[in-house]
C-alpha cells in the first residue's frame, strides 16, 4: 500500500515510466535534413550565382525523403527548368548516396553498371545530366541534394549549385 503522502505522485511516476520506454523505442528512425530556412538560402544562392553570370535558372533543394524542400525560380527561365532542377537534385541525392559521388557529373563519369539497355534512365525522376550536387555533412552523411537548371549547359548549372554548397557547407552540421 502506498502511503497517503505519496499517492498524488503515482500518476506522474507512471507517466514518466511510460515516456522513458517510448524514448528508447528502437523501432523509431531519425533522419537529418536542412532546416527550410537553410534550404531556401542554398537555392537562392545558386540562382544568384547564375544570375551574376547572366543565366536565369531554377534551383531545387530536396531532403532525404526526396521531396522538394525549397525551390527558387529565376524570372525568365523556361517552364521545364522546374522539373529538370528537381530531377537533377533527386539524382544527385539518390545516386550520390548509393555510389558515394558528389555531383551528377561524377555519377555520369563513373559509368554506373546497370542494364545494357539504359533502363536506369527510365526510373521516374532520375536524370543523368550535369547540374546536381549531393548535400553531405562533414561526417559524409547524405542529407539531400540540390539541382540547378536553365543555364546554357549542365556544367554551368552545376558550377552554380556547387558555389552555393561551398558557401553554406559549414552550416550543414
N, C-alpha and C. Protein backbone atom coordinates (compact mmCIF):
# COMPACT_ATOMS: atom_id res chain seq x y z
N UNK A 1 0.84 -1.18 0.00
CA UNK A 1 0.00 0.00 0.00
C UNK A 1 0.89 1.25 0.00
N UNK A 2 0.49 2.24 -0.77
CA UNK A 2 1.25 3.49 -0.92
C UNK A 2 0.78 4.45 0.17
N UNK A 3 1.75 5.02 0.90
CA UNK A 3 1.36 6.00 1.93
C UNK A 3 0.61 7.18 1.31
N UNK A 4 -0.32 7.74 2.07
CA UNK A 4 -1.17 8.84 1.62
C UNK A 4 -0.35 10.02 1.09
N UNK A 5 0.76 10.28 1.70
CA UNK A 5 1.61 11.40 1.29
C UNK A 5 2.09 11.26 -0.15
N UNK A 6 2.34 10.03 -0.62
CA UNK A 6 2.89 9.80 -1.96
C UNK A 6 1.84 9.51 -3.02
N UNK A 7 0.59 9.32 -2.65
CA UNK A 7 -0.45 8.98 -3.62
C UNK A 7 -0.59 10.00 -4.75
N UNK A 8 -0.52 11.30 -4.51
CA UNK A 8 -0.63 12.25 -5.63
C UNK A 8 0.50 12.11 -6.66
N UNK A 9 1.62 11.50 -6.29
CA UNK A 9 2.75 11.36 -7.19
C UNK A 9 2.64 10.13 -8.10
N UNK A 10 1.76 9.20 -7.77
CA UNK A 10 1.65 7.95 -8.52
C UNK A 10 1.40 8.17 -10.01
N UNK A 11 0.43 9.01 -10.41
CA UNK A 11 0.23 9.20 -11.86
C UNK A 11 1.47 9.75 -12.57
N UNK A 12 2.21 10.62 -11.91
CA UNK A 12 3.41 11.20 -12.52
C UNK A 12 4.51 10.17 -12.67
N UNK A 13 4.67 9.33 -11.69
CA UNK A 13 5.68 8.28 -11.77
C UNK A 13 5.34 7.32 -12.90
N UNK A 14 4.08 6.94 -13.03
CA UNK A 14 3.65 6.05 -14.11
C UNK A 14 3.87 6.71 -15.47
N UNK A 15 3.54 7.98 -15.58
CA UNK A 15 3.72 8.71 -16.83
C UNK A 15 5.19 8.76 -17.22
N UNK A 16 6.06 9.03 -16.27
CA UNK A 16 7.49 9.07 -16.56
C UNK A 16 8.01 7.71 -17.00
N UNK A 17 7.50 6.67 -16.40
CA UNK A 17 7.91 5.32 -16.79
C UNK A 17 7.51 5.00 -18.21
N UNK A 18 6.30 5.35 -18.61
CA UNK A 18 5.83 5.11 -19.98
C UNK A 18 6.63 5.95 -20.96
N UNK A 19 6.89 7.21 -20.61
CA UNK A 19 7.66 8.09 -21.50
C UNK A 19 9.07 7.56 -21.72
N UNK A 20 9.69 7.03 -20.67
CA UNK A 20 11.06 6.54 -20.83
C UNK A 20 11.09 5.29 -21.70
N UNK A 21 10.06 4.45 -21.65
CA UNK A 21 10.01 3.28 -22.51
C UNK A 21 9.91 3.70 -23.97
N UNK A 22 9.06 4.71 -24.25
CA UNK A 22 8.90 5.18 -25.63
C UNK A 22 10.14 5.91 -26.14
N UNK A 23 10.84 6.60 -25.27
CA UNK A 23 12.02 7.34 -25.69
C UNK A 23 13.13 6.40 -26.17
N UNK A 24 13.15 5.20 -25.66
CA UNK A 24 14.20 4.26 -26.03
C UNK A 24 13.73 3.26 -27.09
N UNK A 25 12.57 3.52 -27.69
CA UNK A 25 12.00 2.59 -28.66
C UNK A 25 12.92 2.45 -29.87
N UNK A 26 13.50 1.28 -30.09
CA UNK A 26 14.43 1.10 -31.20
C UNK A 26 13.75 1.06 -32.57
N UNK A 27 12.44 1.03 -32.59
CA UNK A 27 11.73 0.98 -33.87
C UNK A 27 11.62 2.35 -34.53
N UNK A 28 12.00 3.40 -33.83
CA UNK A 28 11.93 4.74 -34.40
C UNK A 28 13.20 5.07 -35.16
N UNK A 29 13.06 5.75 -36.28
CA UNK A 29 14.20 6.12 -37.12
C UNK A 29 14.27 7.64 -37.20
N UNK A 30 15.46 8.15 -37.08
CA UNK A 30 15.68 9.58 -37.17
C UNK A 30 16.50 9.87 -38.42
N UNK A 31 16.12 10.89 -39.16
CA UNK A 31 16.91 11.32 -40.30
C UNK A 31 17.19 12.80 -40.18
N UNK A 32 18.29 13.22 -40.77
CA UNK A 32 18.67 14.62 -40.72
C UNK A 32 18.36 15.30 -42.05
N UNK A 33 18.00 16.56 -41.98
CA UNK A 33 17.80 17.37 -43.17
C UNK A 33 18.06 18.82 -42.79
N UNK A 34 18.22 19.64 -43.80
CA UNK A 34 18.42 21.06 -43.55
C UNK A 34 17.13 21.68 -43.06
N UNK A 35 17.20 22.69 -42.20
CA UNK A 35 16.00 23.47 -41.89
C UNK A 35 15.55 24.18 -43.17
N UNK A 36 14.27 24.45 -43.30
CA UNK A 36 13.77 25.06 -44.54
C UNK A 36 14.45 26.39 -44.83
N UNK A 37 14.79 27.13 -43.77
CA UNK A 37 15.43 28.42 -43.97
C UNK A 37 16.80 28.25 -44.65
N UNK A 38 17.53 27.21 -44.26
CA UNK A 38 18.84 26.95 -44.85
C UNK A 38 18.68 26.44 -46.28
N UNK A 39 17.68 25.59 -46.52
CA UNK A 39 17.42 25.10 -47.87
C UNK A 39 17.09 26.26 -48.80
N UNK A 40 16.33 27.22 -48.30
CA UNK A 40 15.96 28.39 -49.11
C UNK A 40 17.18 29.24 -49.43
N UNK A 41 18.07 29.41 -48.45
CA UNK A 41 19.30 30.18 -48.68
C UNK A 41 20.17 29.49 -49.74
N UNK A 42 20.25 28.19 -49.66
CA UNK A 42 21.06 27.42 -50.60
C UNK A 42 20.52 27.58 -52.03
N UNK A 43 19.21 27.41 -52.19
CA UNK A 43 18.60 27.57 -53.52
C UNK A 43 18.76 29.01 -54.02
N UNK A 44 18.52 29.97 -53.15
CA UNK A 44 18.67 31.38 -53.55
C UNK A 44 20.08 31.71 -53.98
N UNK A 45 21.05 31.18 -53.25
CA UNK A 45 22.45 31.45 -53.59
C UNK A 45 22.80 30.88 -54.96
N UNK A 46 22.31 29.69 -55.27
CA UNK A 46 22.58 29.10 -56.58
C UNK A 46 21.99 29.96 -57.70
N UNK A 47 20.76 30.44 -57.50
CA UNK A 47 20.12 31.30 -58.51
C UNK A 47 20.88 32.62 -58.64
N UNK A 48 21.30 33.20 -57.51
CA UNK A 48 22.05 34.46 -57.55
C UNK A 48 23.41 34.28 -58.23
N UNK A 49 24.07 33.17 -57.96
CA UNK A 49 25.37 32.91 -58.58
C UNK A 49 25.23 32.83 -60.09
N UNK A 50 24.22 32.10 -60.56
CA UNK A 50 24.00 32.01 -62.01
C UNK A 50 23.57 33.36 -62.60
N UNK A 51 22.76 34.11 -61.86
CA UNK A 51 22.31 35.43 -62.34
C UNK A 51 23.51 36.35 -62.55
N UNK A 52 24.49 36.27 -61.66
CA UNK A 52 25.69 37.09 -61.78
C UNK A 52 26.48 36.74 -63.05
N UNK A 53 26.30 35.53 -63.56
CA UNK A 53 26.95 35.10 -64.79
C UNK A 53 26.06 35.35 -66.02
N UNK A 54 24.86 35.88 -65.78
CA UNK A 54 23.94 36.18 -66.88
C UNK A 54 22.96 35.07 -67.21
N UNK A 55 22.82 34.08 -66.31
CA UNK A 55 21.92 32.95 -66.55
C UNK A 55 20.74 32.99 -65.60
N UNK A 56 19.54 32.84 -66.15
CA UNK A 56 18.34 32.72 -65.32
C UNK A 56 18.06 31.23 -65.14
N UNK A 57 18.03 30.79 -63.88
CA UNK A 57 17.90 29.36 -63.60
C UNK A 57 16.86 29.11 -62.51
N UNK A 58 16.52 27.85 -62.35
CA UNK A 58 15.74 27.39 -61.22
C UNK A 58 16.63 26.48 -60.38
N UNK A 59 16.57 26.63 -59.06
CA UNK A 59 17.31 25.77 -58.14
C UNK A 59 16.32 25.08 -57.20
N UNK A 60 16.49 23.78 -57.05
CA UNK A 60 15.64 22.99 -56.17
C UNK A 60 16.50 22.25 -55.16
N UNK A 61 16.12 22.32 -53.89
CA UNK A 61 16.76 21.56 -52.82
C UNK A 61 15.77 20.50 -52.36
N UNK A 62 16.25 19.24 -52.30
CA UNK A 62 15.40 18.17 -51.78
C UNK A 62 15.98 17.64 -50.48
N UNK A 63 15.10 17.05 -49.67
CA UNK A 63 15.53 16.47 -48.41
C UNK A 63 15.68 14.96 -48.55
N UNK A 64 15.90 14.29 -47.46
CA UNK A 64 16.17 12.85 -47.50
C UNK A 64 14.95 12.00 -47.85
N UNK A 65 13.78 12.61 -47.89
CA UNK A 65 12.60 11.87 -48.35
C UNK A 65 12.44 11.99 -49.86
N UNK A 66 13.29 12.79 -50.50
CA UNK A 66 13.20 13.00 -51.94
C UNK A 66 12.21 14.08 -52.33
N UNK A 67 11.65 14.77 -51.35
CA UNK A 67 10.68 15.82 -51.63
C UNK A 67 11.35 17.19 -51.72
N UNK A 68 10.74 18.07 -52.50
CA UNK A 68 11.23 19.43 -52.61
C UNK A 68 11.14 20.11 -51.25
N UNK A 69 12.23 20.73 -50.87
CA UNK A 69 12.24 21.48 -49.62
C UNK A 69 12.26 22.98 -49.90
N UNK A 70 12.92 23.36 -50.99
CA UNK A 70 12.95 24.76 -51.40
C UNK A 70 13.14 24.83 -52.91
N UNK A 71 12.43 25.76 -53.53
CA UNK A 71 12.56 25.99 -54.97
C UNK A 71 12.61 27.49 -55.18
N UNK A 72 13.64 27.93 -55.90
CA UNK A 72 13.74 29.34 -56.27
C UNK A 72 13.89 29.38 -57.78
N UNK A 73 12.99 30.12 -58.42
CA UNK A 73 12.93 30.18 -59.87
C UNK A 73 13.31 31.57 -60.34
N UNK A 74 14.27 31.63 -61.25
CA UNK A 74 14.65 32.91 -61.85
C UNK A 74 13.48 33.49 -62.64
N UNK A 75 13.60 34.75 -62.99
CA UNK A 75 12.49 35.46 -63.63
C UNK A 75 12.19 35.03 -65.06
N UNK A 76 13.17 34.53 -65.78
CA UNK A 76 12.94 34.26 -67.20
C UNK A 76 13.29 32.83 -67.62
N UNK A 77 13.23 31.90 -66.69
CA UNK A 77 13.56 30.51 -67.03
C UNK A 77 12.37 29.83 -67.70
N UNK A 78 12.63 28.87 -68.56
CA UNK A 78 11.52 28.14 -69.18
C UNK A 78 10.85 27.20 -68.17
N UNK A 79 9.63 26.86 -68.46
CA UNK A 79 8.82 26.02 -67.58
C UNK A 79 9.52 24.72 -67.20
N UNK A 80 10.16 24.06 -68.15
CA UNK A 80 10.76 22.75 -67.87
C UNK A 80 11.89 22.81 -66.85
N UNK A 81 12.43 23.99 -66.59
CA UNK A 81 13.52 24.08 -65.62
C UNK A 81 13.07 23.66 -64.22
N UNK A 82 11.78 23.80 -63.93
CA UNK A 82 11.27 23.39 -62.62
C UNK A 82 11.42 21.89 -62.42
N UNK A 83 10.96 21.11 -63.40
CA UNK A 83 11.06 19.66 -63.25
C UNK A 83 12.50 19.18 -63.43
N UNK A 84 13.26 19.82 -64.32
CA UNK A 84 14.63 19.38 -64.56
C UNK A 84 15.49 19.64 -63.32
N UNK A 85 15.34 20.78 -62.68
CA UNK A 85 16.14 21.07 -61.47
C UNK A 85 15.81 20.07 -60.37
N UNK A 86 14.54 19.72 -60.23
CA UNK A 86 14.14 18.71 -59.24
C UNK A 86 14.79 17.36 -59.56
N UNK A 87 14.72 16.96 -60.81
CA UNK A 87 15.25 15.65 -61.20
C UNK A 87 16.78 15.59 -61.02
N UNK A 88 17.46 16.69 -61.28
CA UNK A 88 18.91 16.73 -61.04
C UNK A 88 19.21 16.60 -59.55
N UNK A 89 18.44 17.31 -58.72
CA UNK A 89 18.63 17.21 -57.27
C UNK A 89 18.35 15.80 -56.78
N UNK A 90 17.28 15.19 -57.28
CA UNK A 90 16.89 13.83 -56.90
C UNK A 90 17.98 12.83 -57.30
N UNK A 91 18.51 12.97 -58.50
CA UNK A 91 19.56 12.06 -58.98
C UNK A 91 20.83 12.24 -58.16
N UNK A 92 21.20 13.49 -57.86
CA UNK A 92 22.39 13.75 -57.05
C UNK A 92 22.22 13.13 -55.67
N UNK A 93 21.04 13.24 -55.09
CA UNK A 93 20.78 12.65 -53.78
C UNK A 93 20.79 11.13 -53.85
N UNK A 94 19.97 10.56 -54.71
CA UNK A 94 19.80 9.10 -54.75
C UNK A 94 21.07 8.38 -55.15
N UNK A 95 21.74 8.84 -56.19
CA UNK A 95 22.94 8.16 -56.67
C UNK A 95 24.19 8.61 -55.94
N UNK A 96 24.18 9.82 -55.40
CA UNK A 96 25.29 10.25 -54.54
C UNK A 96 25.32 9.41 -53.28
N UNK A 97 24.15 9.09 -52.76
CA UNK A 97 24.03 8.24 -51.58
C UNK A 97 24.47 6.82 -51.91
N UNK A 98 23.97 6.29 -53.01
CA UNK A 98 24.23 4.89 -53.36
C UNK A 98 25.67 4.65 -53.82
N UNK A 99 26.27 5.61 -54.50
CA UNK A 99 27.58 5.38 -55.11
C UNK A 99 28.67 6.32 -54.60
N UNK A 100 28.35 7.07 -53.52
CA UNK A 100 29.33 7.97 -52.90
C UNK A 100 29.94 8.95 -53.89
N UNK A 101 29.08 9.59 -54.68
CA UNK A 101 29.51 10.62 -55.63
C UNK A 101 28.95 11.96 -55.15
N UNK A 102 29.60 13.06 -55.56
CA UNK A 102 29.19 14.37 -55.09
C UNK A 102 28.41 15.19 -56.11
N UNK A 103 28.51 14.87 -57.38
CA UNK A 103 27.80 15.63 -58.39
C UNK A 103 27.23 14.68 -59.44
N UNK A 104 26.25 15.17 -60.18
CA UNK A 104 25.72 14.34 -61.26
C UNK A 104 26.77 14.14 -62.34
N UNK A 105 27.69 15.07 -62.51
CA UNK A 105 28.80 14.87 -63.46
C UNK A 105 29.65 13.68 -63.05
N UNK A 106 29.95 13.56 -61.76
CA UNK A 106 30.73 12.42 -61.27
C UNK A 106 29.97 11.11 -61.44
N UNK A 107 28.68 11.17 -61.23
CA UNK A 107 27.84 9.97 -61.39
C UNK A 107 27.88 9.52 -62.85
N UNK A 108 27.75 10.47 -63.77
CA UNK A 108 27.80 10.15 -65.20
C UNK A 108 29.17 9.60 -65.58
N UNK A 109 30.23 10.23 -65.08
CA UNK A 109 31.59 9.81 -65.41
C UNK A 109 31.91 8.42 -64.86
N UNK A 110 31.26 8.03 -63.77
CA UNK A 110 31.53 6.72 -63.17
C UNK A 110 30.97 5.59 -64.02
N UNK A 111 30.15 5.94 -65.00
CA UNK A 111 29.55 4.93 -65.88
C UNK A 111 29.00 3.77 -65.06
N UNK A 112 28.03 4.10 -64.24
CA UNK A 112 27.44 3.13 -63.33
C UNK A 112 27.00 1.87 -64.06
N UNK A 113 27.30 0.76 -63.45
CA UNK A 113 26.85 -0.51 -64.02
C UNK A 113 25.33 -0.58 -63.91
N UNK A 114 24.71 -0.91 -64.96
CA UNK A 114 23.26 -1.04 -64.99
C UNK A 114 22.88 -1.84 -66.22
N UNK A 115 21.62 -1.97 -66.45
CA UNK A 115 21.19 -2.72 -67.62
C UNK A 115 21.77 -2.13 -68.91
N UNK A 116 22.15 -2.99 -69.82
CA UNK A 116 22.75 -2.56 -71.08
C UNK A 116 21.80 -1.69 -71.90
N UNK A 117 20.51 -1.84 -71.68
CA UNK A 117 19.53 -1.07 -72.46
C UNK A 117 19.31 0.34 -71.91
N UNK A 118 20.08 0.75 -70.89
CA UNK A 118 19.93 2.09 -70.34
C UNK A 118 18.70 2.28 -69.48
N UNK A 119 18.16 1.21 -68.93
CA UNK A 119 16.92 1.28 -68.17
C UNK A 119 17.00 2.19 -66.95
N UNK A 120 18.21 2.47 -66.45
CA UNK A 120 18.31 3.39 -65.32
C UNK A 120 17.72 4.75 -65.68
N UNK A 121 17.83 5.14 -66.94
CA UNK A 121 17.26 6.42 -67.38
C UNK A 121 15.74 6.42 -67.37
N UNK A 122 15.12 5.27 -67.27
CA UNK A 122 13.66 5.23 -67.27
C UNK A 122 13.07 5.23 -65.86
N UNK A 123 13.91 5.25 -64.84
CA UNK A 123 13.40 5.33 -63.46
C UNK A 123 12.81 6.72 -63.26
N UNK A 124 11.58 6.80 -62.75
CA UNK A 124 10.97 8.12 -62.56
C UNK A 124 11.86 9.05 -61.74
N UNK A 125 11.94 10.26 -62.15
CA UNK A 125 12.67 11.36 -61.52
C UNK A 125 14.18 11.31 -61.70
N UNK A 126 14.74 10.25 -62.24
CA UNK A 126 16.18 10.17 -62.44
C UNK A 126 16.54 10.86 -63.76
N UNK A 127 17.57 11.68 -63.72
CA UNK A 127 18.03 12.38 -64.91
C UNK A 127 19.55 12.49 -64.84
N UNK A 128 20.22 11.73 -65.67
CA UNK A 128 21.68 11.74 -65.69
C UNK A 128 22.18 12.89 -66.56
N UNK A 129 22.12 14.10 -66.00
CA UNK A 129 22.57 15.32 -66.65
C UNK A 129 23.29 16.15 -65.60
N UNK A 130 24.37 16.79 -65.97
CA UNK A 130 25.12 17.64 -65.03
C UNK A 130 24.23 18.75 -64.50
N UNK A 131 24.47 19.12 -63.25
CA UNK A 131 23.72 20.21 -62.63
C UNK A 131 23.20 19.89 -61.25
N UNK A 132 23.50 18.68 -60.74
CA UNK A 132 23.06 18.30 -59.40
C UNK A 132 24.25 18.08 -58.49
N UNK A 133 24.06 18.41 -57.21
CA UNK A 133 25.11 18.23 -56.20
C UNK A 133 24.50 17.55 -54.98
N UNK A 134 25.19 16.52 -54.50
CA UNK A 134 24.79 15.81 -53.29
C UNK A 134 25.13 16.66 -52.08
N UNK A 135 24.18 16.79 -51.15
CA UNK A 135 24.43 17.55 -49.92
C UNK A 135 24.90 16.58 -48.84
N UNK A 136 26.08 16.87 -48.27
CA UNK A 136 26.68 16.00 -47.25
C UNK A 136 27.11 16.80 -46.04
N UNK A 137 26.98 16.16 -44.89
CA UNK A 137 27.52 16.72 -43.66
C UNK A 137 29.02 16.40 -43.62
N UNK A 138 29.74 16.96 -42.67
CA UNK A 138 31.18 16.73 -42.56
C UNK A 138 31.51 15.25 -42.35
N UNK A 139 30.60 14.50 -41.72
CA UNK A 139 30.84 13.07 -41.48
C UNK A 139 30.45 12.22 -42.69
N UNK A 140 30.17 12.85 -43.82
CA UNK A 140 29.82 12.22 -45.10
C UNK A 140 28.37 11.74 -45.16
N UNK A 141 27.57 12.02 -44.14
CA UNK A 141 26.15 11.66 -44.16
C UNK A 141 25.44 12.48 -45.24
N UNK A 142 24.70 11.81 -46.10
CA UNK A 142 23.96 12.50 -47.16
C UNK A 142 22.65 13.02 -46.58
N UNK A 143 22.40 14.32 -46.79
CA UNK A 143 21.21 14.95 -46.23
C UNK A 143 20.29 15.57 -47.29
N UNK A 144 20.58 15.30 -48.56
CA UNK A 144 19.72 15.82 -49.62
C UNK A 144 20.49 16.07 -50.89
N UNK A 145 19.91 16.90 -51.73
CA UNK A 145 20.53 17.25 -52.99
C UNK A 145 20.05 18.61 -53.46
N UNK A 146 20.83 19.23 -54.33
CA UNK A 146 20.42 20.48 -54.98
C UNK A 146 20.61 20.29 -56.48
N UNK A 147 19.65 20.77 -57.24
CA UNK A 147 19.73 20.72 -58.68
C UNK A 147 19.47 22.09 -59.27
N UNK A 148 20.18 22.43 -60.31
CA UNK A 148 20.02 23.73 -60.99
C UNK A 148 19.79 23.46 -62.47
N UNK A 149 18.87 24.22 -63.07
CA UNK A 149 18.57 24.07 -64.49
C UNK A 149 18.26 25.43 -65.10
N UNK A 150 18.74 25.63 -66.32
CA UNK A 150 18.40 26.84 -67.05
C UNK A 150 19.59 27.53 -67.69
N UNK A 151 20.79 27.29 -67.18
CA UNK A 151 21.98 27.88 -67.80
C UNK A 151 22.27 27.15 -69.12
N UNK A 152 23.05 27.76 -70.00
CA UNK A 152 23.34 27.10 -71.27
C UNK A 152 24.40 26.00 -71.11
N UNK A 153 24.01 24.93 -70.46
CA UNK A 153 24.90 23.79 -70.24
C UNK A 153 24.87 23.34 -68.80
N UNK A 154 24.82 22.02 -68.63
CA UNK A 154 24.78 21.46 -67.29
C UNK A 154 26.00 21.79 -66.46
N UNK A 155 27.15 21.97 -67.11
CA UNK A 155 28.36 22.33 -66.38
C UNK A 155 28.19 23.67 -65.68
N UNK A 156 27.51 24.61 -66.32
CA UNK A 156 27.27 25.92 -65.71
C UNK A 156 26.25 25.81 -64.58
N UNK A 157 25.20 24.99 -64.80
CA UNK A 157 24.23 24.73 -63.73
C UNK A 157 24.95 24.17 -62.50
N UNK A 158 25.80 23.18 -62.74
CA UNK A 158 26.50 22.51 -61.65
C UNK A 158 27.44 23.45 -60.92
N UNK A 159 28.10 24.34 -61.65
CA UNK A 159 29.00 25.31 -61.03
C UNK A 159 28.23 26.23 -60.07
N UNK A 160 27.03 26.63 -60.46
CA UNK A 160 26.21 27.49 -59.59
C UNK A 160 25.76 26.74 -58.35
N UNK A 161 25.37 25.47 -58.54
CA UNK A 161 24.95 24.64 -57.39
C UNK A 161 26.13 24.43 -56.45
N UNK A 162 27.30 24.13 -57.01
CA UNK A 162 28.48 23.88 -56.19
C UNK A 162 28.91 25.13 -55.44
N UNK A 163 28.81 26.29 -56.07
CA UNK A 163 29.16 27.55 -55.40
C UNK A 163 28.27 27.77 -54.17
N UNK A 164 26.99 27.48 -54.31
CA UNK A 164 26.06 27.62 -53.18
C UNK A 164 26.40 26.63 -52.08
N UNK A 165 26.66 25.38 -52.46
CA UNK A 165 27.02 24.36 -51.46
C UNK A 165 28.30 24.76 -50.74
N UNK A 166 29.30 25.20 -51.48
CA UNK A 166 30.56 25.60 -50.85
C UNK A 166 30.37 26.75 -49.88
N UNK A 167 29.48 27.68 -50.21
CA UNK A 167 29.24 28.83 -49.32
C UNK A 167 28.59 28.40 -48.01
N UNK A 168 27.67 27.44 -48.07
CA UNK A 168 26.88 27.08 -46.88
C UNK A 168 27.26 25.73 -46.27
N UNK A 169 28.24 25.04 -46.81
CA UNK A 169 28.60 23.69 -46.33
C UNK A 169 28.85 23.64 -44.82
N UNK A 170 29.50 24.64 -44.27
CA UNK A 170 29.81 24.64 -42.84
C UNK A 170 28.56 24.62 -41.98
N UNK A 171 27.44 25.10 -42.52
CA UNK A 171 26.20 25.14 -41.73
C UNK A 171 25.40 23.83 -41.82
N UNK A 172 25.91 22.84 -42.55
CA UNK A 172 25.22 21.56 -42.67
C UNK A 172 25.35 20.71 -41.40
N UNK A 173 26.26 21.08 -40.51
CA UNK A 173 26.48 20.29 -39.30
C UNK A 173 25.88 20.89 -38.07
